[in-house]
Structure formats: C-alpha cells, structure tokens
C-alpha cells in the first residue's frame, strides 16, 4: 500500500522552490525543482503566492525541453496557479534532481515577504498510475536595506519609519 509522498516502491519524490530574496519593484527567475526517486511521466501542482508577489512568466527548463515535455499553467484563484507538465509521447523524467520549470516573479512596491505554498503535487508512472509528490514551501524575503523608508505603521496623521 502506498503512503503520502511515497511511491509503491517506498521511494520519496519531492517538488520544491528554494527560498529566495527579492527587492520591491523587481523581478527574479527561480527554478521549480523535482527530486524524483522514480521515473515520472507527468506532474501537476499548484502554487499559492503571498500578497504583493506576482507570477509574471513560466516556462519549461532546458531539462524538461530535452524530454519533450509541455507546460500548461493557469490562474485558478486570486493568488493560486495550477500547472501540468506532461509529455506528448511515452517519455519519463529519469530519477534525478533537476529544474523542471523556470518561474519569474515580480514583487510590488510594497512587498514585505511571505511564503509560496506548493500543494497538490502528483505524478504519474509510465503505466499511468498516480502517486503523491511531497511539496515544499518557499520563503520569500526582502533584503533589510530595501525596507528602509517603508512605513511600519499607517496610522492617520502619524508615519513611523525604520531607522
């Protein structure tokens, strides 16, 4: 019997974005990584973004393109995106740790950091058996120097600033 985040062979498969830093009013591109212990024919996942961070662009990594994969991503909620990575032929990702998708994020002028929640990770085997993929949470921080001058309290008639 399979358990959460495990294939039937007892192997763990993970999908994650490493923690990163971004300044307000800037853009950064980061890889979504797959650490698969078994072959994976297709993937699906969802991303929930913190307030003030936007997903501007998404594209397959060179690794995914090498395996003839395709990517479909769409907004499914106010801050949530759903994505599918799939082949058009009978091709699988081999066991490895590799970038699967390149994600480009833009931080708004008042972005103060937060977490990107990755959920609903699923994969499929060559014979179309579904398995759960353990998904990570990425912490997005803003450099301390970028916070200088941003009001800490928005009370009417009184502005306070970091020193």
Protein backbone atom coordinates (compact mmCIF):
# COMPACT_ATOMS: atom_id res chain seq x y z
CA UNK A 1 0.00 0.00 0.00
CA UNK A 2 1.29 3.48 -0.89
CA UNK A 3 1.52 6.23 1.71
CA UNK A 4 1.63 10.02 1.41
CA UNK A 5 4.60 11.32 -0.64
CA UNK A 6 5.76 7.79 -1.43
CA UNK A 7 5.57 5.61 -4.46
CA UNK A 8 4.56 1.99 -4.06
CA UNK A 9 8.25 1.06 -4.04
CA UNK A 10 8.76 3.18 -0.89
CA UNK A 11 10.69 5.94 -2.63
CA UNK A 12 10.21 9.65 -1.87
CA UNK A 13 9.59 12.15 -4.67
CA UNK A 14 9.81 15.90 -3.93
CA UNK A 15 8.99 19.13 -5.75
CA UNK A 16 10.19 22.46 -4.34
CA UNK A 17 11.34 26.04 -4.89
CA UNK A 18 14.36 27.08 -2.84
CA UNK A 19 13.96 30.10 -0.55
CA UNK A 20 14.90 33.35 -2.31
CA UNK A 21 15.21 37.08 -1.82
CA UNK A 22 13.61 39.82 -3.92
CA UNK A 23 13.52 43.60 -3.62
CA UNK A 24 10.25 45.52 -4.05
CA UNK A 25 9.66 46.65 -7.65
CA UNK A 26 11.97 43.98 -9.04
CA UNK A 27 11.82 40.66 -10.85
CA UNK A 28 13.57 37.35 -10.23
CA UNK A 29 13.54 33.98 -12.03
CA UNK A 30 13.85 30.82 -9.93
CA UNK A 31 13.68 27.12 -10.80
CA UNK A 32 10.99 24.75 -9.60
CA UNK A 33 12.93 21.60 -8.77
CA UNK A 34 11.93 17.94 -8.98
CA UNK A 35 13.84 15.42 -6.88
CA UNK A 36 12.34 12.19 -8.12
CA UNK A 37 13.44 8.80 -6.90
CA UNK A 38 11.45 7.01 -9.59
CA UNK A 39 10.53 7.69 -13.21
CA UNK A 40 7.79 10.26 -13.61
CA UNK A 41 5.78 10.63 -16.79
CA UNK A 42 3.82 13.74 -15.87
CA UNK A 43 3.40 16.19 -12.99
CA UNK A 44 0.81 18.51 -11.56
CA UNK A 45 0.97 21.04 -8.73
CA UNK A 46 -0.50 24.32 -7.51
CA UNK A 47 1.21 27.45 -6.20
CA UNK A 48 -0.32 29.94 -3.78
CA UNK A 49 1.53 33.27 -3.75
CA UNK A 50 1.82 35.81 -0.93
CA UNK A 51 0.18 39.22 -1.32
CA UNK A 52 2.32 41.55 -3.44
CA UNK A 53 4.14 38.82 -5.40
CA UNK A 54 3.01 38.09 -8.95
CA UNK A 55 3.83 35.20 -11.28
CA UNK A 56 4.82 37.01 -14.47
CA UNK A 57 6.15 34.19 -16.60
CA UNK A 58 6.64 30.44 -16.52
CA UNK A 59 8.42 28.21 -18.96
CA UNK A 60 9.90 24.75 -19.14
CA UNK A 61 13.51 24.37 -18.12
CA UNK A 62 16.10 23.10 -20.62
CA UNK A 63 15.90 19.76 -18.78
CA UNK A 64 12.15 19.48 -19.40
CA UNK A 65 12.52 20.56 -23.02
CA UNK A 66 15.13 17.83 -23.54
CA UNK A 67 12.48 15.26 -22.54
CA UNK A 68 9.86 16.76 -24.85
CA UNK A 69 7.61 17.96 -22.04
CA UNK A 70 4.86 20.57 -22.34
CA UNK A 71 3.58 23.01 -19.71
CA UNK A 72 0.10 24.31 -19.02
CA UNK A 73 -0.34 26.85 -16.23
CA UNK A 74 -3.38 28.94 -15.38
CA UNK A 75 -4.70 31.11 -12.61
CA UNK A 76 -7.28 29.16 -10.59
CA UNK A 77 -7.87 31.63 -7.76
CA UNK A 78 -6.97 35.13 -6.62
CA UNK A 79 -3.40 34.13 -5.68
CA UNK A 80 -3.32 30.49 -6.85
CA UNK A 81 -2.00 28.89 -10.03
CA UNK A 82 -2.42 25.31 -11.20
CA UNK A 83 0.11 23.69 -13.54
CA UNK A 84 0.58 20.48 -15.51
CA UNK A 85 3.86 19.24 -17.01
CA UNK A 86 3.26 16.43 -19.47
CA UNK A 87 4.80 14.64 -22.47
CA UNK A 88 3.21 14.16 -25.86
CA UNK A 89 4.90 10.75 -26.20
CA UNK A 90 5.71 7.87 -23.85
CA UNK A 91 8.62 9.64 -22.16
CA UNK A 92 9.51 9.83 -18.45
CA UNK A 93 11.76 12.01 -16.34
CA UNK A 94 14.51 9.69 -15.10
CA UNK A 95 15.33 9.59 -11.35
CA UNK A 96 17.35 12.77 -10.61
CA UNK A 97 17.20 16.22 -9.04
CA UNK A 98 16.60 18.73 -11.82
CA UNK A 99 14.92 22.05 -12.60
CA UNK A 100 11.56 21.38 -14.23
CA UNK A 101 10.03 24.84 -14.70
CA UNK A 102 11.51 28.34 -14.57
CA UNK A 103 9.24 30.77 -12.69
CA UNK A 104 9.57 34.56 -12.99
CA UNK A 105 8.15 36.56 -10.09
CA UNK A 106 7.68 40.32 -9.72
CA UNK A 107 7.39 41.97 -6.31
CA UNK A 108 5.14 45.01 -5.93
CA UNK A 109 6.45 48.26 -4.45
CA UNK A 110 5.04 47.40 -1.00
CA UNK A 111 6.01 43.69 -0.94
CA UNK A 112 7.33 42.69 2.51
CA UNK A 113 7.95 38.96 2.01
CA UNK A 114 5.93 35.83 2.59
CA UNK A 115 5.65 32.18 1.64
CA UNK A 116 4.89 30.42 -1.61
CA UNK A 117 2.80 27.39 -0.75
CA UNK A 118 3.10 24.46 -3.13
CA UNK A 119 0.30 21.91 -2.95
CA UNK A 120 -1.42 19.06 -4.74
CA UNK A 121 1.78 17.55 -6.12
CA UNK A 122 1.02 14.48 -8.19
CA UNK A 123 2.98 12.42 -10.65
CA UNK A 124 2.20 9.55 -12.94
CA UNK A 125 4.14 6.47 -13.90
CA UNK A 126 4.65 5.09 -17.41
CA UNK A 127 1.52 2.93 -16.94
CA UNK A 128 -0.48 6.00 -15.73
CA UNK A 129 -0.51 5.11 -12.03
CA UNK A 130 -0.79 8.25 -9.90
CA UNK A 131 1.49 8.93 -6.95
CA UNK A 132 1.79 11.82 -4.47
CA UNK A 133 4.77 14.17 -4.66
CA UNK A 134 5.89 15.85 -1.45
CA UNK A 135 5.75 19.64 -2.00
CA UNK A 136 7.81 22.24 -0.20
CA UNK A 137 7.06 25.78 0.95
CA UNK A 138 9.41 28.55 -0.21
CA UNK A 139 10.11 31.57 1.97
CA UNK A 140 10.47 34.81 0.02
CA UNK A 141 12.31 37.57 1.88
CA UNK A 142 13.04 41.22 1.19
CA UNK A 143 16.56 42.48 1.96
CA UNK A 144 16.61 44.57 5.16
CA UNK A 145 18.11 47.53 3.27
CA UNK A 146 15.08 47.57 0.94
CA UNK A 147 12.74 48.02 3.92
CA UNK A 148 14.29 51.36 4.91
CA UNK A 149 11.77 54.12 4.34
CA UNK A 150 8.70 51.86 4.26
CA UNK A 151 6.24 52.99 6.95
CA UNK A 152 5.86 50.46 9.76
CA UNK A 153 2.56 51.93 10.91
CA UNK A 154 -0.06 53.55 8.70
CA UNK A 155 -1.99 55.43 11.44
CA UNK A 156 -3.71 58.55 10.21
CA UNK A 157 -1.57 61.64 10.85
CA UNK A 158 1.44 59.67 12.09
CA UNK A 159 4.07 57.96 9.96
CA UNK A 160 6.80 55.90 11.54
CA UNK A 161 9.85 54.70 9.67
CA UNK A 162 12.66 52.21 10.17
CA UNK A 163 15.97 53.84 11.08
